All heavy atoms as atom14 arrays in JSON, in Angstrom:
{
  "sequence": "ADADVRVLLFAAARDLVGARQLTVPSAEATTAAGALAAVVARH",
  "atom14_mask": [
    [1, 1, 1, 1, 1, 0, 0, 0, 0, 0, 0, 0, 0, 0],
    [1, 1, 1, 1, 1, 1, 1, 1, 0, 0, 0, 0, 0, 0],
    [1, 1, 1, 1, 1, 0, 0, 0, 0, 0, 0, 0, 0, 0],
    [1, 1, 1, 1, 1, 1, 1, 1, 0, 0, 0, 0, 0, 0],
    [1, 1, 1, 1, 1, 1, 1, 0, 0, 0, 0, 0, 0, 0],
    [1, 1, 1, 1, 1, 1, 1, 1, 1, 1, 1, 0, 0, 0],
    [1, 1, 1, 1, 1, 1, 1, 0, 0, 0, 0, 0, 0, 0],
    [1, 1, 1, 1, 1, 1, 1, 1, 0, 0, 0, 0, 0, 0],
    [1, 1, 1, 1, 1, 1, 1, 1, 0, 0, 0, 0, 0, 0],
    [1, 1, 1, 1, 1, 1, 1, 1, 1, 1, 1, 0, 0, 0],
    [1, 1, 1, 1, 1, 0, 0, 0, 0, 0, 0, 0, 0, 0],
    [1, 1, 1, 1, 1, 0, 0, 0, 0, 0, 0, 0, 0, 0],
    [1, 1, 1, 1, 1, 0, 0, 0, 0, 0, 0, 0, 0, 0],
    [1, 1, 1, 1, 1, 1, 1, 1, 1, 1, 1, 0, 0, 0],
    [1, 1, 1, 1, 1, 1, 1, 1, 0, 0, 0, 0, 0, 0],
    [1, 1, 1, 1, 1, 1, 1, 1, 0, 0, 0, 0, 0, 0],
    [1, 1, 1, 1, 1, 1, 1, 0, 0, 0, 0, 0, 0, 0],
    [1, 1, 1, 1, 0, 0, 0, 0, 0, 0, 0, 0, 0, 0],
    [1, 1, 1, 1, 1, 0, 0, 0, 0, 0, 0, 0, 0, 0],
    [1, 1, 1, 1, 1, 1, 1, 1, 1, 1, 1, 0, 0, 0],
    [1, 1, 1, 1, 1, 1, 1, 1, 1, 0, 0, 0, 0, 0],
    [1, 1, 1, 1, 1, 1, 1, 1, 0, 0, 0, 0, 0, 0],
    [1, 1, 1, 1, 1, 1, 1, 0, 0, 0, 0, 0, 0, 0],
    [1, 1, 1, 1, 1, 1, 1, 0, 0, 0, 0, 0, 0, 0],
    [1, 1, 1, 1, 1, 1, 1, 0, 0, 0, 0, 0, 0, 0],
    [1, 1, 1, 1, 1, 1, 0, 0, 0, 0, 0, 0, 0, 0],
    [1, 1, 1, 1, 1, 0, 0, 0, 0, 0, 0, 0, 0, 0],
    [1, 1, 1, 1, 1, 1, 1, 1, 1, 0, 0, 0, 0, 0],
    [1, 1, 1, 1, 1, 0, 0, 0, 0, 0, 0, 0, 0, 0],
    [1, 1, 1, 1, 1, 1, 1, 0, 0, 0, 0, 0, 0, 0],
    [1, 1, 1, 1, 1, 1, 1, 0, 0, 0, 0, 0, 0, 0],
    [1, 1, 1, 1, 1, 0, 0, 0, 0, 0, 0, 0, 0, 0],
    [1, 1, 1, 1, 1, 0, 0, 0, 0, 0, 0, 0, 0, 0],
    [1, 1, 1, 1, 0, 0, 0, 0, 0, 0, 0, 0, 0, 0],
    [1, 1, 1, 1, 1, 0, 0, 0, 0, 0, 0, 0, 0, 0],
    [1, 1, 1, 1, 1, 1, 1, 1, 0, 0, 0, 0, 0, 0],
    [1, 1, 1, 1, 1, 0, 0, 0, 0, 0, 0, 0, 0, 0],
    [1, 1, 1, 1, 1, 0, 0, 0, 0, 0, 0, 0, 0, 0],
    [1, 1, 1, 1, 1, 1, 1, 0, 0, 0, 0, 0, 0, 0],
    [1, 1, 1, 1, 1, 1, 1, 0, 0, 0, 0, 0, 0, 0],
    [1, 1, 1, 1, 1, 0, 0, 0, 0, 0, 0, 0, 0, 0],
    [1, 1, 1, 1, 1, 1, 1, 1, 1, 1, 1, 0, 0, 0],
    [1, 1, 1, 1, 1, 1, 1, 1, 1, 1, 0, 0, 0, 0]
  ],
  "atom14_positions": [
    [[0.84, -1.19, 0.0], [0.0, 0.0, 0.0], [0.88, 1.24, 0.0], [2.02, 1.21, 0.45], [-0.9, 0.0, 1.23], [0.0, 0.0, 0.0], [0.0, 0.0, 0.0], [0.0, 0.0, 0.0], [0.0, 0.0, 0.0], [0.0, 0.0, 0.0], [0.0, 0.0, 0.0], [0.0, 0.0, 0.0], [0.0, 0.0, 0.0], [0.0, 0.0, 0.0]],
    [[0.33, 2.36, -0.48], [1.09, 3.6, -0.52], [1.54, 4.05, 0.87], [2.51, 4.78, 1.0], [0.26, 4.71, -1.16], [0.12, 4.51, -2.66], [0.94, 3.77, -3.24], [-0.81, 5.08, -3.24], [0.0, 0.0, 0.0], [0.0, 0.0, 0.0], [0.0, 0.0, 0.0], [0.0, 0.0, 0.0], [0.0, 0.0, 0.0], [0.0, 0.0, 0.0]],
    [[0.83, 3.62, 1.9], [1.17, 4.03, 3.26], [2.19, 3.1, 3.9], [2.5, 3.23, 5.08], [-0.08, 4.09, 4.12], [0.0, 0.0, 0.0], [0.0, 0.0, 0.0], [0.0, 0.0, 0.0], [0.0, 0.0, 0.0], [0.0, 0.0, 0.0], [0.0, 0.0, 0.0], [0.0, 0.0, 0.0], [0.0, 0.0, 0.0], [0.0, 0.0, 0.0]],
    [[2.74, 2.18, 3.12], [3.72, 1.24, 3.64], [5.13, 1.66, 3.26], [5.35, 2.45, 2.35], [3.48, -0.17, 3.07], [2.24, -0.82, 3.63], [1.77, -0.42, 4.72], [1.73, -1.75, 2.98], [0.0, 0.0, 0.0], [0.0, 0.0, 0.0], [0.0, 0.0, 0.0], [0.0, 0.0, 0.0], [0.0, 0.0, 0.0], [0.0, 0.0, 0.0]],
    [[6.07, 1.1, 3.99], [7.49, 1.24, 3.7], [7.98, -0.15, 3.3], [7.69, -1.12, 3.99], [8.25, 1.75, 4.95], [9.74, 1.71, 4.74], [7.78, 3.16, 5.32], [0.0, 0.0, 0.0], [0.0, 0.0, 0.0], [0.0, 0.0, 0.0], [0.0, 0.0, 0.0], [0.0, 0.0, 0.0], [0.0, 0.0, 0.0], [0.0, 0.0, 0.0]],
    [[8.68, -0.23, 2.2], [9.24, -1.52, 1.77], [10.59, -1.71, 2.44], [11.43, -0.81, 2.42], [9.4, -1.55, 0.25], [9.85, -2.91, -0.26], [9.73, -2.96, -1.72], [11.02, -2.6, -2.3], [11.38, -2.88, -3.54], [10.52, -3.46, -4.36], [12.55, -2.54, -3.98], [0.0, 0.0, 0.0], [0.0, 0.0, 0.0], [0.0, 0.0, 0.0]],
    [[10.77, -2.87, 3.05], [12.01, -3.17, 3.76], [12.71, -4.33, 3.04], [12.12, -5.39, 2.85], [11.75, -3.55, 5.23], [13.05, -3.89, 5.94], [11.01, -2.43, 5.95], [0.0, 0.0, 0.0], [0.0, 0.0, 0.0], [0.0, 0.0, 0.0], [0.0, 0.0, 0.0], [0.0, 0.0, 0.0], [0.0, 0.0, 0.0], [0.0, 0.0, 0.0]],
    [[13.94, -4.08, 2.63], [14.78, -5.1, 2.0], [15.74, -5.64, 3.05], [16.29, -4.87, 3.84], [15.57, -4.51, 0.83], [14.76, -3.78, -0.23], [15.7, -3.18, -1.27], [13.77, -4.73, -0.88], [0.0, 0.0, 0.0], [0.0, 0.0, 0.0], [0.0, 0.0, 0.0], [0.0, 0.0, 0.0], [0.0, 0.0, 0.0], [0.0, 0.0, 0.0]],
    [[15.93, -6.95, 3.05], [16.81, -7.59, 4.02], [17.93, -8.29, 3.28], [17.7, -8.95, 2.27], [16.02, -8.59, 4.85], [14.89, -7.92, 5.63], [13.62, -8.7, 5.5], [15.27, -7.72, 7.06], [0.0, 0.0, 0.0], [0.0, 0.0, 0.0], [0.0, 0.0, 0.0], [0.0, 0.0, 0.0], [0.0, 0.0, 0.0], [0.0, 0.0, 0.0]],
    [[19.15, -8.15, 3.79], [20.32, -8.71, 3.12], [21.06, -9.68, 4.03], [21.07, -9.54, 5.25], [21.26, -7.59, 2.68], [20.65, -6.72, 1.62], [19.97, -5.57, 1.95], [20.72, -7.09, 0.29], [19.39, -4.78, 0.98], [20.14, -6.3, -0.7], [19.47, -5.14, -0.35], [0.0, 0.0, 0.0], [0.0, 0.0, 0.0], [0.0, 0.0, 0.0]],
    [[21.72, -10.65, 3.4], [22.64, -11.59, 4.04], [22.02, -12.24, 5.28], [20.95, -12.82, 5.2], [23.97, -10.91, 4.33], [0.0, 0.0, 0.0], [0.0, 0.0, 0.0], [0.0, 0.0, 0.0], [0.0, 0.0, 0.0], [0.0, 0.0, 0.0], [0.0, 0.0, 0.0], [0.0, 0.0, 0.0], [0.0, 0.0, 0.0], [0.0, 0.0, 0.0]],
    [[22.7, -12.14, 6.42], [22.24, -12.82, 7.64], [20.88, -12.3, 8.1], [20.08, -13.07, 8.64], [23.27, -12.65, 8.75], [0.0, 0.0, 0.0], [0.0, 0.0, 0.0], [0.0, 0.0, 0.0], [0.0, 0.0, 0.0], [0.0, 0.0, 0.0], [0.0, 0.0, 0.0], [0.0, 0.0, 0.0], [0.0, 0.0, 0.0], [0.0, 0.0, 0.0]],
    [[20.59, -11.02, 7.89], [19.27, -10.48, 8.26], [18.18, -11.19, 7.46], [17.14, -11.56, 8.0], [19.23, -8.98, 8.03], [0.0, 0.0, 0.0], [0.0, 0.0, 0.0], [0.0, 0.0, 0.0], [0.0, 0.0, 0.0], [0.0, 0.0, 0.0], [0.0, 0.0, 0.0], [0.0, 0.0, 0.0], [0.0, 0.0, 0.0], [0.0, 0.0, 0.0]],
    [[18.42, -11.39, 6.18], [17.47, -12.11, 5.32], [17.29, -13.53, 5.84], [16.16, -14.04, 5.91], [17.97, -12.11, 3.89], [17.07, -12.88, 2.93], [17.67, -12.99, 1.55], [18.94, -13.7, 1.63], [20.07, -13.32, 1.04], [20.1, -12.22, 0.31], [21.17, -14.01, 1.16], [0.0, 0.0, 0.0], [0.0, 0.0, 0.0], [0.0, 0.0, 0.0]],
    [[18.39, -14.18, 6.2], [18.31, -15.56, 6.68], [17.53, -15.65, 7.99], [16.72, -16.57, 8.17], [19.71, -16.13, 6.88], [20.48, -16.25, 5.58], [19.86, -16.25, 4.49], [21.73, -16.35, 5.64], [0.0, 0.0, 0.0], [0.0, 0.0, 0.0], [0.0, 0.0, 0.0], [0.0, 0.0, 0.0], [0.0, 0.0, 0.0], [0.0, 0.0, 0.0]],
    [[17.74, -14.73, 8.91], [17.04, -14.75, 10.19], [15.55, -14.49, 10.05], [14.74, -15.07, 10.76], [17.67, -13.74, 11.15], [19.05, -14.12, 11.69], [19.69, -12.92, 12.38], [18.95, -15.3, 12.64], [0.0, 0.0, 0.0], [0.0, 0.0, 0.0], [0.0, 0.0, 0.0], [0.0, 0.0, 0.0], [0.0, 0.0, 0.0], [0.0, 0.0, 0.0]],
    [[15.19, -13.61, 9.13], [13.78, -13.28, 8.92], [13.11, -14.31, 8.02], [11.92, -14.58, 8.16], [13.66, -11.85, 8.33], [12.25, -11.56, 7.87], [14.12, -10.83, 9.36], [0.0, 0.0, 0.0], [0.0, 0.0, 0.0], [0.0, 0.0, 0.0], [0.0, 0.0, 0.0], [0.0, 0.0, 0.0], [0.0, 0.0, 0.0], [0.0, 0.0, 0.0]],
    [[13.87, -14.89, 7.11], [13.3, -15.87, 6.2], [12.62, -15.24, 5.0], [11.76, -15.86, 4.37], [0.0, 0.0, 0.0], [0.0, 0.0, 0.0], [0.0, 0.0, 0.0], [0.0, 0.0, 0.0], [0.0, 0.0, 0.0], [0.0, 0.0, 0.0], [0.0, 0.0, 0.0], [0.0, 0.0, 0.0], [0.0, 0.0, 0.0], [0.0, 0.0, 0.0]],
    [[12.99, -14.01, 4.7], [12.41, -13.31, 3.54], [13.39, -12.27, 3.04], [14.21, -11.75, 3.8], [11.1, -12.62, 3.94], [0.0, 0.0, 0.0], [0.0, 0.0, 0.0], [0.0, 0.0, 0.0], [0.0, 0.0, 0.0], [0.0, 0.0, 0.0], [0.0, 0.0, 0.0], [0.0, 0.0, 0.0], [0.0, 0.0, 0.0], [0.0, 0.0, 0.0]],
    [[13.29, -11.95, 1.75], [14.14, -10.92, 1.14], [13.58, -9.52, 1.36], [14.31, -8.54, 1.35], [14.29, -11.16, -0.36], [15.08, -12.38, -0.69], [15.13, -12.56, -2.2], [15.82, -13.78, -2.52], [17.07, -13.84, -2.95], [17.74, -12.73, -3.16], [17.63, -14.99, -3.2], [0.0, 0.0, 0.0], [0.0, 0.0, 0.0], [0.0, 0.0, 0.0]],
    [[12.27, -9.45, 1.51], [11.64, -8.15, 1.72], [10.33, -8.33, 2.46], [9.75, -9.41, 2.48], [11.43, -7.39, 0.42], [10.38, -7.94, -0.49], [10.21, -7.09, -1.74], [11.14, -6.44, -2.2], [9.03, -7.08, -2.29], [0.0, 0.0, 0.0], [0.0, 0.0, 0.0], [0.0, 0.0, 0.0], [0.0, 0.0, 0.0], [0.0, 0.0, 0.0]],
    [[9.9, -7.24, 3.07], [8.61, -7.2, 3.75], [8.14, -5.76, 3.77], [8.87, -4.87, 3.32], [8.72, -7.8, 5.15], [9.85, -7.31, 6.06], [9.38, -6.15, 6.91], [10.29, -8.45, 6.94], [0.0, 0.0, 0.0], [0.0, 0.0, 0.0], [0.0, 0.0, 0.0], [0.0, 0.0, 0.0], [0.0, 0.0, 0.0], [0.0, 0.0, 0.0]],
    [[6.96, -5.54, 4.25], [6.45, -4.17, 4.35], [6.13, -3.86, 5.81], [5.8, -4.74, 6.59], [5.2, -3.95, 3.49], [4.19, -4.87, 3.88], [5.51, -4.13, 2.02], [0.0, 0.0, 0.0], [0.0, 0.0, 0.0], [0.0, 0.0, 0.0], [0.0, 0.0, 0.0], [0.0, 0.0, 0.0], [0.0, 0.0, 0.0], [0.0, 0.0, 0.0]],
    [[6.24, -2.58, 6.13], [5.95, -2.08, 7.46], [5.06, -0.85, 7.26], [5.34, -0.01, 6.4], [7.25, -1.67, 8.19], [6.96, -1.01, 9.51], [8.15, -2.89, 8.39], [0.0, 0.0, 0.0], [0.0, 0.0, 0.0], [0.0, 0.0, 0.0], [0.0, 0.0, 0.0], [0.0, 0.0, 0.0], [0.0, 0.0, 0.0], [0.0, 0.0, 0.0]],
    [[3.99, -0.72, 8.04], [3.17, 0.49, 7.93], [4.02, 1.74, 8.22], [4.81, 1.75, 9.16], [2.1, 0.3, 9.0], [2.05, -1.18, 9.23], [3.45, -1.66, 9.02], [0.0, 0.0, 0.0], [0.0, 0.0, 0.0], [0.0, 0.0, 0.0], [0.0, 0.0, 0.0], [0.0, 0.0, 0.0], [0.0, 0.0, 0.0], [0.0, 0.0, 0.0]],
    [[3.85, 2.75, 7.4], [4.69, 3.95, 7.55], [4.48, 4.62, 8.91], [5.39, 5.28, 9.4], [4.44, 4.93, 6.42], [3.09, 5.34, 6.41], [0.0, 0.0, 0.0], [0.0, 0.0, 0.0], [0.0, 0.0, 0.0], [0.0, 0.0, 0.0], [0.0, 0.0, 0.0], [0.0, 0.0, 0.0], [0.0, 0.0, 0.0], [0.0, 0.0, 0.0]],
    [[3.34, 4.42, 9.54], [3.11, 5.0, 10.87], [4.07, 4.43, 11.91], [4.37, 5.07, 12.91], [1.67, 4.76, 11.3], [0.0, 0.0, 0.0], [0.0, 0.0, 0.0], [0.0, 0.0, 0.0], [0.0, 0.0, 0.0], [0.0, 0.0, 0.0], [0.0, 0.0, 0.0], [0.0, 0.0, 0.0], [0.0, 0.0, 0.0], [0.0, 0.0, 0.0]],
    [[4.58, 3.22, 11.66], [5.53, 2.59, 12.58], [6.97, 2.87, 12.17], [7.88, 2.53, 12.91], [5.32, 1.07, 12.58], [3.98, 0.63, 13.11], [3.81, -0.86, 13.03], [4.8, -1.6, 13.18], [2.67, -1.3, 12.82], [0.0, 0.0, 0.0], [0.0, 0.0, 0.0], [0.0, 0.0, 0.0], [0.0, 0.0, 0.0], [0.0, 0.0, 0.0]],
    [[7.17, 3.45, 11.02], [8.52, 3.63, 10.48], [8.74, 5.07, 10.04], [9.05, 5.34, 8.89], [8.71, 2.67, 9.3], [0.0, 0.0, 0.0], [0.0, 0.0, 0.0], [0.0, 0.0, 0.0], [0.0, 0.0, 0.0], [0.0, 0.0, 0.0], [0.0, 0.0, 0.0], [0.0, 0.0, 0.0], [0.0, 0.0, 0.0], [0.0, 0.0, 0.0]],
    [[8.6, 6.0, 10.95], [8.76, 7.42, 10.59], [10.22, 7.85, 10.56], [10.55, 8.9, 10.03], [7.98, 8.33, 11.55], [8.45, 8.1, 12.88], [6.48, 8.04, 11.47], [0.0, 0.0, 0.0], [0.0, 0.0, 0.0], [0.0, 0.0, 0.0], [0.0, 0.0, 0.0], [0.0, 0.0, 0.0], [0.0, 0.0, 0.0], [0.0, 0.0, 0.0]],
    [[11.11, 7.02, 11.15], [12.55, 7.27, 11.12], [13.25, 5.96, 10.78], [12.64, 4.88, 10.83], [13.08, 7.75, 12.48], [12.89, 6.71, 13.44], [12.41, 9.03, 12.94], [0.0, 0.0, 0.0], [0.0, 0.0, 0.0], [0.0, 0.0, 0.0], [0.0, 0.0, 0.0], [0.0, 0.0, 0.0], [0.0, 0.0, 0.0], [0.0, 0.0, 0.0]],
    [[14.53, 6.04, 10.47], [15.3, 4.83, 10.19], [15.3, 3.9, 11.4], [15.11, 2.69, 11.27], [16.73, 5.2, 9.79], [0.0, 0.0, 0.0], [0.0, 0.0, 0.0], [0.0, 0.0, 0.0], [0.0, 0.0, 0.0], [0.0, 0.0, 0.0], [0.0, 0.0, 0.0], [0.0, 0.0, 0.0], [0.0, 0.0, 0.0], [0.0, 0.0, 0.0]],
    [[15.48, 4.46, 12.6], [15.44, 3.65, 13.81], [14.07, 3.03, 14.04], [13.96, 1.87, 14.47], [15.85, 4.49, 15.02], [0.0, 0.0, 0.0], [0.0, 0.0, 0.0], [0.0, 0.0, 0.0], [0.0, 0.0, 0.0], [0.0, 0.0, 0.0], [0.0, 0.0, 0.0], [0.0, 0.0, 0.0], [0.0, 0.0, 0.0], [0.0, 0.0, 0.0]],
    [[13.02, 3.77, 13.73], [11.67, 3.25, 13.87], [11.4, 2.09, 12.92], [10.74, 1.12, 13.28], [0.0, 0.0, 0.0], [0.0, 0.0, 0.0], [0.0, 0.0, 0.0], [0.0, 0.0, 0.0], [0.0, 0.0, 0.0], [0.0, 0.0, 0.0], [0.0, 0.0, 0.0], [0.0, 0.0, 0.0], [0.0, 0.0, 0.0], [0.0, 0.0, 0.0]],
    [[11.91, 2.21, 11.69], [11.73, 1.13, 10.73], [12.44, -0.14, 11.22], [11.86, -1.24, 11.17], [12.27, 1.54, 9.36], [0.0, 0.0, 0.0], [0.0, 0.0, 0.0], [0.0, 0.0, 0.0], [0.0, 0.0, 0.0], [0.0, 0.0, 0.0], [0.0, 0.0, 0.0], [0.0, 0.0, 0.0], [0.0, 0.0, 0.0], [0.0, 0.0, 0.0]],
    [[13.66, 0.02, 11.7], [14.39, -1.13, 12.22], [13.65, -1.72, 13.42], [13.49, -2.94, 13.52], [15.81, -0.73, 12.6], [16.69, -1.83, 13.2], [16.82, -3.01, 12.24], [18.06, -1.28, 13.55], [0.0, 0.0, 0.0], [0.0, 0.0, 0.0], [0.0, 0.0, 0.0], [0.0, 0.0, 0.0], [0.0, 0.0, 0.0], [0.0, 0.0, 0.0]],
    [[13.18, -0.89, 14.33], [12.46, -1.37, 15.51], [11.19, -2.13, 15.11], [10.86, -3.15, 15.72], [12.11, -0.2, 16.43], [0.0, 0.0, 0.0], [0.0, 0.0, 0.0], [0.0, 0.0, 0.0], [0.0, 0.0, 0.0], [0.0, 0.0, 0.0], [0.0, 0.0, 0.0], [0.0, 0.0, 0.0], [0.0, 0.0, 0.0], [0.0, 0.0, 0.0]],
    [[10.49, -1.65, 14.08], [9.27, -2.33, 13.63], [9.59, -3.71, 13.07], [8.86, -4.68, 13.32], [8.56, -1.48, 12.57], [0.0, 0.0, 0.0], [0.0, 0.0, 0.0], [0.0, 0.0, 0.0], [0.0, 0.0, 0.0], [0.0, 0.0, 0.0], [0.0, 0.0, 0.0], [0.0, 0.0, 0.0], [0.0, 0.0, 0.0], [0.0, 0.0, 0.0]],
    [[10.69, -3.83, 12.35], [11.09, -5.13, 11.8], [11.51, -6.07, 12.94], [11.11, -7.23, 12.97], [12.22, -4.98, 10.76], [12.75, -6.33, 10.34], [11.73, -4.2, 9.56], [0.0, 0.0, 0.0], [0.0, 0.0, 0.0], [0.0, 0.0, 0.0], [0.0, 0.0, 0.0], [0.0, 0.0, 0.0], [0.0, 0.0, 0.0], [0.0, 0.0, 0.0]],
    [[12.28, -5.56, 13.89], [12.73, -6.39, 15.01], [11.55, -6.84, 15.86], [11.52, -7.98, 16.35], [13.79, -5.64, 15.86], [14.12, -6.4, 17.13], [15.05, -5.42, 15.04], [0.0, 0.0, 0.0], [0.0, 0.0, 0.0], [0.0, 0.0, 0.0], [0.0, 0.0, 0.0], [0.0, 0.0, 0.0], [0.0, 0.0, 0.0], [0.0, 0.0, 0.0]],
    [[10.55, -5.98, 16.04], [9.36, -6.36, 16.81], [8.64, -7.55, 16.18], [8.12, -8.42, 16.88], [8.41, -5.16, 16.94], [0.0, 0.0, 0.0], [0.0, 0.0, 0.0], [0.0, 0.0, 0.0], [0.0, 0.0, 0.0], [0.0, 0.0, 0.0], [0.0, 0.0, 0.0], [0.0, 0.0, 0.0], [0.0, 0.0, 0.0], [0.0, 0.0, 0.0]],
    [[8.66, -7.6, 14.86], [8.0, -8.71, 14.14], [8.91, -9.94, 14.02], [8.43, -11.04, 13.83], [7.6, -8.25, 12.75], [6.45, -7.3, 12.74], [6.23, -6.69, 11.36], [5.08, -5.84, 11.29], [5.0, -4.63, 11.81], [6.01, -4.12, 12.47], [3.89, -3.92, 11.69], [0.0, 0.0, 0.0], [0.0, 0.0, 0.0], [0.0, 0.0, 0.0]],
    [[10.21, -9.71, 14.1], [11.19, -10.79, 13.91], [12.25, -10.7, 15.02], [13.37, -10.23, 14.79], [11.83, -10.69, 12.52], [10.82, -10.76, 11.43], [10.27, -11.94, 11.0], [10.21, -9.78, 10.72], [9.39, -11.69, 10.06], [9.32, -10.39, 9.87], [0.0, 0.0, 0.0], [0.0, 0.0, 0.0], [0.0, 0.0, 0.0], [0.0, 0.0, 0.0]]
  ]
}
């Protein structure tokens, strides 16, 4: 969705998550640290 942020995962991060990419709602990812925190909360 337009309100999402696309997150690409590389190398070991990709392996730990089990995916090359995912999406995070932009409301949870207003900063770089927020985007990382949103991904870590899910994984």
